[in-house]
Amino acid sequence: MTEALLQLDRKIFILINSTWHNAVFDLFLPMARNPYTWAPLYLFLLLFMTVNFKWKGVFWVLFFIATFGIADSVTGQLLKGIVERYRPCNDPVFSQYVRSLAPCAGHHSFPSNHAANHFGLGMFMFLSLKKTLGKWMWIAFLWAFLVSFAQIYTGQHYPSDILVGTLAGLIYGTITGTIFNRKFQLTAP
């Protein structure tokens, strides 16, 4: 990254992480980034899909899990290992400016796994369920945005980490969603 882009990234990070802080966000956003918070949603989706769509629902669950696996592996194992950018909370030069509201995870942050995973799953759900659930599927992107925004707010990621993770996730979800739709057509239960 050029120095100008790095400075802009840090300025936006400070705006979100420090300037916009408030008691409500301080309470809510650390929970929003925690995967255990969303475990009931995942369980509901798995049960809803298999109960209502039978064998097609089982394949939907497998594609859902595959989307997560692809996003997590490619982003977390491959791309982070290549780039090796410090998290804001681990950066030896920048960490003094970080309000850390969650334990500082791993050393590297670029791109964000949370953004890739959630936008990948969001895109997969949107593409595979939009004919069945209609306009309500936009909520999947709102959910992914909330989780991703929380990563910046809690001091885990720079905005560019989130942006690239989002783009990667949208690509992964588009691929799995398109393949799923070619093989299986879900109709309203």
Protein backbone atom coordinates (compact mmCIF):
# COMPACT_ATOMS: atom_id res chain seq x y z
CA MET A 1 0.00 0.00 0.00
CA THR A 2 1.17 3.50 -0.64
CA GLU A 3 1.78 5.73 2.37
CA ALA A 4 -1.22 7.94 1.49
CA LEU A 5 -3.56 4.92 1.47
CA LEU A 6 -2.11 3.65 4.75
CA GLN A 7 -2.69 7.05 6.37
CA LEU A 8 -6.28 7.18 5.07
CA ASP A 9 -6.86 3.64 6.36
CA ARG A 10 -5.59 4.65 9.81
CA LYS A 11 -7.66 7.86 9.86
CA ILE A 12 -10.86 5.97 9.07
CA PHE A 13 -9.92 3.36 11.67
CA ILE A 14 -9.46 6.08 14.36
CA LEU A 15 -12.79 7.64 13.36
CA ILE A 16 -14.67 4.35 13.81
CA ASN A 17 -12.65 2.92 16.71
CA SER A 18 -12.23 6.07 18.83
CA THR A 19 -14.22 9.06 17.64
CA TRP A 20 -17.54 7.24 17.21
CA HIS A 21 -17.31 5.34 20.48
CA ASN A 22 -20.32 5.31 22.78
CA ALA A 23 -21.69 3.11 25.56
CA VAL A 24 -24.23 1.32 23.36
CA PHE A 25 -21.67 0.35 20.71
CA ASP A 26 -19.14 -0.56 23.42
CA LEU A 27 -21.65 -3.06 24.81
CA PHE A 28 -23.22 -4.37 21.61
CA LEU A 29 -20.44 -4.53 19.00
CA PRO A 30 -18.04 -6.83 20.89
CA MET A 31 -20.93 -9.31 21.07
CA ALA A 32 -21.73 -8.83 17.37
CA ARG A 33 -18.24 -9.98 16.34
CA ASN A 34 -18.30 -13.04 18.59
CA PRO A 35 -19.15 -16.23 16.67
CA TYR A 36 -20.95 -17.72 19.70
CA THR A 37 -23.48 -14.88 19.50
CA TRP A 38 -24.58 -16.17 16.11
CA ALA A 39 -24.57 -19.91 16.96
CA PRO A 40 -28.39 -19.96 17.47
CA LEU A 41 -28.85 -18.38 14.03
CA TYR A 42 -26.65 -21.03 12.41
CA LEU A 43 -28.50 -23.82 14.21
CA PHE A 44 -31.85 -22.32 13.18
CA LEU A 45 -30.73 -22.11 9.53
CA LEU A 46 -29.52 -25.72 9.51
CA LEU A 47 -32.76 -26.99 11.04
CA PHE A 48 -35.01 -24.72 8.96
CA MET A 49 -33.41 -25.77 5.70
CA THR A 50 -33.39 -29.51 6.37
CA VAL A 51 -36.93 -29.59 7.79
CA ASN A 52 -38.48 -27.44 5.05
CA PHE A 53 -36.48 -28.47 2.00
CA LYS A 54 -35.61 -32.09 2.87
CA TRP A 55 -32.73 -33.43 0.74
CA LYS A 56 -32.29 -30.09 -1.06
CA GLY A 57 -31.97 -28.53 2.38
CA VAL A 58 -29.22 -30.99 3.26
CA PHE A 59 -27.33 -29.94 0.14
CA TRP A 60 -27.96 -26.29 1.04
CA VAL A 61 -26.36 -26.94 4.44
CA LEU A 62 -23.37 -28.61 2.76
CA PHE A 63 -22.92 -25.64 0.41
CA PHE A 64 -23.30 -23.24 3.35
CA ILE A 65 -20.53 -25.07 5.22
CA ALA A 66 -18.40 -25.26 2.06
CA THR A 67 -18.77 -21.50 1.54
CA PHE A 68 -17.51 -20.89 5.07
CA GLY A 69 -14.67 -23.39 4.62
CA ILE A 70 -13.51 -21.86 1.36
CA ALA A 71 -13.67 -18.29 2.68
CA ASP A 72 -11.92 -19.16 5.92
CA SER A 73 -9.19 -21.25 4.29
CA VAL A 74 -8.34 -19.01 1.35
CA THR A 75 -8.52 -15.78 3.31
CA GLY A 76 -7.11 -16.99 6.62
CA GLN A 77 -4.52 -19.48 5.53
CA LEU A 78 -3.41 -18.31 2.11
CA LEU A 79 -3.87 -14.54 1.84
CA LYS A 80 -2.99 -13.59 5.43
CA GLY A 81 0.17 -15.69 5.16
CA ILE A 82 1.20 -13.85 2.01
CA VAL A 83 0.46 -10.29 3.15
CA GLU A 84 1.37 -10.57 6.87
CA ARG A 85 -0.02 -7.18 7.90
CA TYR A 86 -0.25 -6.60 11.65
CA ARG A 87 -3.63 -6.13 13.28
CA PRO A 88 -4.12 -2.60 14.63
CA CYS A 89 -4.06 -3.99 18.17
CA ASN A 90 -0.77 -5.85 17.45
CA ASP A 91 0.96 -3.18 15.41
CA PRO A 92 4.08 -2.13 17.37
CA VAL A 93 3.85 1.44 16.03
CA PHE A 94 0.08 1.97 15.87
CA SER A 95 -1.34 -0.07 18.78
CA GLN A 96 -1.01 2.87 21.19
CA TYR A 97 -3.89 4.57 19.30
CA VAL A 98 -6.21 1.56 19.44
CA ARG A 99 -9.17 1.21 21.80
CA SER A 100 -9.23 -2.58 22.05
CA LEU A 101 -12.63 -3.93 23.10
CA ALA A 102 -11.87 -7.58 22.42
CA PRO A 103 -8.85 -9.80 22.97
CA CYS A 104 -6.40 -9.17 20.16
CA ALA A 105 -6.68 -12.25 17.95
CA GLY A 106 -3.78 -13.60 15.84
CA HIS A 107 -1.00 -11.42 14.54
CA HIS A 108 -2.19 -10.76 10.98
CA SER A 109 -5.25 -8.94 9.78
CA PHE A 110 -5.27 -8.56 5.98
CA PRO A 111 -7.78 -9.51 4.72
CA SER A 112 -10.42 -9.97 7.41
CA ASN A 113 -11.67 -13.53 7.86
CA HIS A 114 -14.80 -12.26 9.61
CA ALA A 115 -15.67 -10.11 6.59
CA ALA A 116 -14.85 -12.83 4.05
CA ASN A 117 -16.76 -15.49 5.98
CA HIS A 118 -19.86 -13.43 6.68
CA PHE A 119 -20.12 -11.73 3.29
CA GLY A 120 -19.48 -15.12 1.65
CA LEU A 121 -22.29 -16.68 3.66
CA GLY A 122 -24.47 -13.61 3.13
CA MET A 123 -24.03 -13.75 -0.65
CA PHE A 124 -24.62 -17.51 -0.72
CA MET A 125 -27.83 -17.11 1.32
CA PHE A 126 -28.97 -14.18 -0.82
CA LEU A 127 -28.45 -16.02 -4.10
CA SER A 128 -29.84 -19.37 -2.97
CA LEU A 129 -32.85 -18.08 -1.00
CA LYS A 130 -33.91 -14.87 -2.76
CA LYS A 131 -36.55 -16.66 -4.89
CA THR A 132 -37.93 -18.35 -1.79
CA LEU A 133 -37.71 -15.59 0.83
CA GLY A 134 -37.66 -12.58 -1.49
CA LYS A 135 -36.62 -9.11 -0.41
CA TRP A 136 -35.91 -10.25 3.16
CA MET A 137 -32.64 -11.78 2.02
CA TRP A 138 -31.00 -8.33 2.06
CA ILE A 139 -30.84 -8.83 5.82
CA ALA A 140 -27.97 -11.26 5.18
CA PHE A 141 -25.84 -8.34 3.96
CA LEU A 142 -26.85 -6.16 6.90
CA TRP A 143 -25.77 -8.98 9.24
CA ALA A 144 -22.41 -9.33 7.44
CA PHE A 145 -21.89 -5.55 7.57
CA LEU A 146 -22.64 -5.45 11.30
CA VAL A 147 -20.11 -8.20 12.06
CA SER A 148 -17.50 -6.55 9.82
CA PHE A 149 -18.04 -3.05 11.24
CA ALA A 150 -17.66 -4.52 14.74
CA GLN A 151 -14.21 -5.77 13.75
CA ILE A 152 -13.04 -2.20 13.14
CA TYR A 153 -14.87 -0.76 16.14
CA THR A 154 -13.32 -3.28 18.56
CA GLY A 155 -9.78 -2.66 17.24
CA GLN A 156 -9.25 -5.93 15.37
CA HIS A 157 -9.08 -4.73 11.75
CA TYR A 158 -8.32 -1.75 9.58
CA PRO A 159 -11.05 -0.69 7.11
CA SER A 160 -9.00 -1.96 4.15
CA ASP A 161 -8.86 -5.41 5.80
CA ILE A 162 -12.66 -5.37 5.89
CA LEU A 163 -13.01 -4.04 2.35
CA VAL A 164 -10.81 -6.73 0.80
CA GLY A 165 -12.35 -9.43 3.01
CA THR A 166 -15.80 -8.28 1.89
CA LEU A 167 -14.88 -8.42 -1.79
CA ALA A 168 -13.31 -11.87 -1.36
CA GLY A 169 -16.37 -13.12 0.51
CA LEU A 170 -18.73 -11.81 -2.15
CA ILE A 171 -16.72 -13.70 -4.77
CA TYR A 172 -16.75 -16.95 -2.75
CA GLY A 173 -20.49 -16.64 -2.06
CA THR A 174 -21.26 -15.86 -5.70
CA ILE A 175 -19.39 -18.96 -6.82
CA THR A 176 -21.04 -21.34 -4.34
CA GLY A 177 -24.46 -19.70 -4.73
CA THR A 178 -24.31 -19.93 -8.52
CA ILE A 179 -23.23 -23.58 -8.44
CA PHE A 180 -25.95 -24.40 -5.91
CA ASN A 181 -28.64 -22.70 -8.01
CA ARG A 182 -27.56 -24.58 -11.15
CA LYS A 183 -27.92 -27.93 -9.35
CA PHE A 184 -30.86 -27.28 -7.02
CA GLN A 185 -33.88 -25.00 -7.30
CA LEU A 186 -35.49 -24.18 -3.96
CA THR A 187 -39.21 -23.47 -4.00
CA ALA A 188 -41.22 -22.05 -1.13
CA PRO A 189 -41.93 -24.70 1.50
